[in-house]
Amino acid sequence: MTNPIELLEQRQLRSDLPAFKAGDTVRVHFQVIEGQRRRVQVFEGIVIKRQGAGVRETFTVRKQSFGVGVERTFPVHSPKIEKIEVQAIGDVNRAKLYYLRAKVGKKARVREAQQGPTVSSPSAADEVAIEAEPGDKLPAEGPVADESATGEPAADESPAEEPAAEAVDEEPAAVAEDGTEAAEVRPKARRSFRRRG
């Protein structure tokens, strides 16, 4: 037999919220009531914890405001939250980021795991998809070869031209203004954030 309290709580759960976790940078659009007036206040910061389950689930967002750390705890399923936008996904290995309280300035940042368009809710994800028209090519897409189902090249390409294209793939070495070859630029190695000493 199901508990009537659980049935009531199931009706109050929100399904329109995006998936987010500790370390993500979010913008929370929260309704504030001042006298007879209602307005939406935006609170942007890093999620330092998410706790609880069901209707009682909460998350805490921390931001630096004029050099002072400000934390605010929101109920996840509150009707006063209009929407939650995930600005960046953080690359963290903990569920509670209490160590950020001791950090100030650039040291209080969290490394981003992914950069992409801002997604707030399923309806906002549909809006992002609508903005990119079907005929437009996205930057992530590479050139698409026009081949038939048999795997043969298209009629306008001749097989004799393919070996010549492979030889051109090699890039010449970069030459500095004084005529010497420039050193190859390599990406920085990923730094470990462990304490030293």
Protein backbone atom coordinates (compact mmCIF):
# COMPACT_ATOMS: atom_id res chain seq x y z
CA MET A 1 0.00 0.00 0.00
CA THR A 2 1.38 3.40 -0.93
CA ASN A 3 1.72 6.10 1.64
CA PRO A 4 -0.64 9.09 1.05
CA ILE A 5 2.14 11.50 2.06
CA GLU A 6 4.40 10.07 -0.65
CA LEU A 7 1.61 10.52 -3.20
CA LEU A 8 1.25 14.19 -2.27
CA GLU A 9 5.02 14.70 -2.47
CA GLN A 10 5.18 13.07 -5.91
CA ARG A 11 2.72 15.64 -7.26
CA GLN A 12 4.88 18.51 -5.99
CA LEU A 13 8.13 17.36 -7.63
CA ARG A 14 9.29 19.46 -10.57
CA SER A 15 10.42 17.77 -13.77
CA ASP A 16 11.38 20.90 -15.74
CA LEU A 17 14.73 21.48 -13.99
CA PRO A 18 18.08 20.75 -15.64
CA ALA A 19 20.53 18.19 -14.29
CA PHE A 20 23.26 19.87 -12.24
CA LYS A 21 25.67 18.86 -9.51
CA ALA A 22 28.23 20.33 -7.12
CA GLY A 23 30.83 22.36 -9.01
CA ASP A 24 28.47 23.60 -11.73
CA THR A 25 28.01 27.32 -12.25
CA VAL A 26 24.28 28.11 -12.24
CA ARG A 27 21.97 31.11 -12.52
CA VAL A 28 18.92 30.75 -10.27
CA HIS A 29 15.92 32.94 -11.18
CA PHE A 30 14.10 33.28 -7.86
CA GLN A 31 10.86 35.16 -7.15
CA VAL A 32 11.17 37.77 -4.40
CA ILE A 33 8.05 39.30 -2.82
CA GLU A 34 8.44 42.87 -1.55
CA GLY A 35 5.18 44.11 -0.10
CA GLN A 36 2.60 43.78 -2.87
CA ARG A 37 5.22 43.57 -5.63
CA ARG A 38 6.83 40.43 -7.06
CA ARG A 39 10.07 40.47 -8.98
CA VAL A 40 12.61 37.94 -10.20
CA GLN A 41 16.06 38.08 -8.69
CA VAL A 42 18.97 36.24 -10.35
CA PHE A 43 21.60 34.62 -8.14
CA GLU A 44 24.63 33.31 -10.05
CA GLY A 45 27.36 31.22 -8.48
CA ILE A 46 28.92 27.79 -7.98
CA VAL A 47 26.86 24.96 -6.49
CA ILE A 48 28.81 23.85 -3.42
CA LYS A 49 26.43 21.15 -2.27
CA ARG A 50 23.22 19.35 -3.08
CA GLN A 51 21.54 17.40 -0.29
CA GLY A 52 18.31 15.69 0.64
CA ALA A 53 15.82 13.79 -1.47
CA GLY A 54 12.32 14.24 -2.79
CA VAL A 55 10.50 17.46 -1.95
CA ARG A 56 13.04 18.32 0.77
CA GLU A 57 16.04 18.35 -1.61
CA THR A 58 18.08 21.58 -1.45
CA PHE A 59 21.18 23.02 -3.09
CA THR A 60 23.54 25.76 -1.95
CA VAL A 61 25.03 28.31 -4.35
CA ARG A 62 28.10 30.39 -3.45
CA LYS A 63 29.33 33.56 -5.13
CA GLN A 64 31.82 36.33 -4.41
CA SER A 65 30.11 39.71 -4.07
CA PHE A 66 32.51 42.67 -3.70
CA GLY A 67 35.15 40.41 -2.14
CA VAL A 68 32.72 38.82 0.32
CA GLY A 69 31.54 35.24 -0.07
CA VAL A 70 27.74 34.91 -0.18
CA GLU A 71 25.93 31.57 0.05
CA ARG A 72 22.26 30.95 -0.48
CA THR A 73 20.35 27.69 -0.07
CA PHE A 74 17.39 26.99 -2.37
CA PRO A 75 14.82 24.17 -2.29
CA VAL A 76 15.12 22.32 -5.62
CA HIS A 77 11.39 21.81 -6.12
CA SER A 78 10.25 25.23 -4.88
CA PRO A 79 7.55 26.92 -6.98
CA LYS A 80 9.33 30.24 -6.31
CA ILE A 81 12.23 29.18 -8.54
CA GLU A 82 11.25 30.25 -12.05
CA LYS A 83 14.16 28.54 -13.76
CA ILE A 84 17.72 27.35 -13.25
CA GLU A 85 20.30 27.90 -16.00
CA VAL A 86 23.49 25.84 -16.02
CA GLN A 87 26.21 28.22 -17.22
CA ALA A 88 29.18 25.84 -16.96
CA ILE A 89 29.76 22.27 -15.87
CA GLY A 90 32.48 21.98 -13.25
CA ASP A 91 35.18 19.31 -13.22
CA VAL A 92 35.26 18.32 -9.54
CA ASN A 93 35.71 15.06 -7.66
CA ARG A 94 33.66 15.85 -4.56
CA ALA A 95 29.99 16.13 -3.67
CA LYS A 96 30.51 18.94 -1.15
CA LEU A 97 32.85 21.80 -2.02
CA TYR A 98 33.29 23.32 1.43
CA TYR A 99 36.96 24.00 0.69
CA LEU A 100 35.88 26.89 -1.56
CA ARG A 101 34.90 28.84 1.56
CA ALA A 102 38.57 29.28 2.46
CA LYS A 103 39.53 30.40 -1.07
CA VAL A 104 39.34 33.97 -2.36
CA GLY A 105 39.64 35.45 -5.83
CA LYS A 106 41.03 33.33 -8.65
CA LYS A 107 41.75 30.43 -6.30
CA ALA A 108 38.01 30.06 -5.62
CA ARG A 109 37.35 29.09 -9.23
CA VAL A 110 36.39 25.60 -10.41
CA ARG A 111 37.83 24.14 -13.61
CA GLU A 112 35.23 23.75 -16.36
CA ALA A 113 34.64 20.32 -17.86
CA GLN A 114 32.73 21.53 -20.89
CA GLN A 115 31.87 24.79 -22.63
CA GLY A 116 28.73 25.01 -24.65
CA PRO A 117 25.46 26.85 -25.01
CA THR A 118 23.59 27.68 -21.83
CA VAL A 119 20.82 25.16 -21.16
CA SER A 120 18.26 25.84 -18.47
CA SER A 121 15.38 23.47 -18.98
CA PRO A 122 14.04 21.12 -21.66
CA SER A 123 12.00 23.97 -23.18
CA ALA A 124 15.13 26.16 -23.37
CA ALA A 125 17.06 23.31 -25.01
CA ASP A 126 14.37 23.23 -27.70
CA GLU A 127 14.82 26.98 -28.22
CA VAL A 128 18.58 26.51 -28.74
CA ALA A 129 17.83 23.80 -31.32
CA ILE A 130 15.36 26.08 -33.11
CA GLU A 131 17.90 28.94 -33.30
CA ALA A 132 20.26 26.70 -35.28
CA GLU A 133 18.32 26.30 -38.51
CA PRO A 134 18.40 22.91 -40.23
CA GLY A 135 20.39 24.28 -43.21
CA ASP A 136 23.12 25.81 -41.05
CA LYS A 137 26.28 23.86 -40.35
CA LEU A 138 27.39 23.74 -36.75
CA PRO A 139 31.09 24.43 -36.09
CA ALA A 140 31.51 20.99 -34.52
CA GLU A 141 30.55 19.27 -37.76
CA GLY A 142 33.37 18.40 -40.09
CA PRO A 143 33.20 18.25 -43.88
CA VAL A 144 30.83 15.53 -44.96
CA ALA A 145 31.96 13.38 -47.87
CA ASP A 146 29.31 12.79 -50.50
CA GLU A 147 29.40 9.05 -50.97
CA SER A 148 26.72 6.68 -52.08
CA ALA A 149 25.60 3.64 -50.12
CA THR A 150 28.20 1.46 -51.90
CA GLY A 151 31.08 3.55 -50.51
CA GLU A 152 32.21 4.82 -53.92
CA PRO A 153 33.22 8.48 -54.33
CA ALA A 154 30.75 10.90 -55.90
CA ALA A 155 30.65 11.29 -59.67
CA ASP A 156 32.31 14.74 -59.68
CA GLU A 157 35.42 13.40 -57.90
CA SER A 158 37.89 11.21 -59.72
CA PRO A 159 39.84 8.50 -57.88
CA ALA A 160 43.12 9.67 -59.48
CA GLU A 161 43.01 12.97 -57.52
CA GLU A 162 42.91 11.36 -54.05
CA PRO A 163 46.67 10.57 -53.63
CA ALA A 164 47.57 14.17 -54.48
CA ALA A 165 45.26 15.45 -51.74
CA GLU A 166 46.95 13.25 -49.13
CA ALA A 167 50.38 14.72 -49.86
CA VAL A 168 49.10 18.25 -49.25
CA ASP A 169 47.87 17.40 -45.71
CA GLU A 170 51.31 18.07 -44.18
CA GLU A 171 51.65 21.65 -42.95
CA PRO A 172 54.90 23.54 -43.48
CA ALA A 173 56.86 24.50 -40.36
CA ALA A 174 56.04 27.94 -38.95
CA VAL A 175 58.69 30.53 -39.83
CA ALA A 176 59.32 33.53 -37.59
CA GLU A 177 59.88 37.03 -39.00
CA ASP A 178 63.69 36.75 -38.71
CA GLY A 179 63.70 33.62 -40.90
CA THR A 180 64.25 31.00 -38.19
CA GLU A 181 61.80 28.17 -37.65
CA ALA A 182 59.47 28.73 -34.71
CA ALA A 183 59.15 26.06 -32.02
CA GLU A 184 56.08 23.88 -32.06
CA VAL A 185 53.36 25.19 -29.72
CA ARG A 186 52.05 22.52 -27.37
CA PRO A 187 49.05 22.76 -25.03
CA LYS A 188 49.79 23.20 -21.35
CA ALA A 189 49.86 20.08 -19.24
CA ARG A 190 46.95 19.63 -16.89
CA ARG A 191 47.98 20.73 -13.41
CA SER A 192 47.16 18.82 -10.30
CA PHE A 193 45.36 20.70 -7.53
CA ARG A 194 46.80 18.65 -4.69
CA ARG A 195 48.39 20.43 -1.78
CA ARG A 196 52.13 20.56 -1.77
CA GLY A 197 54.33 20.29 1.22
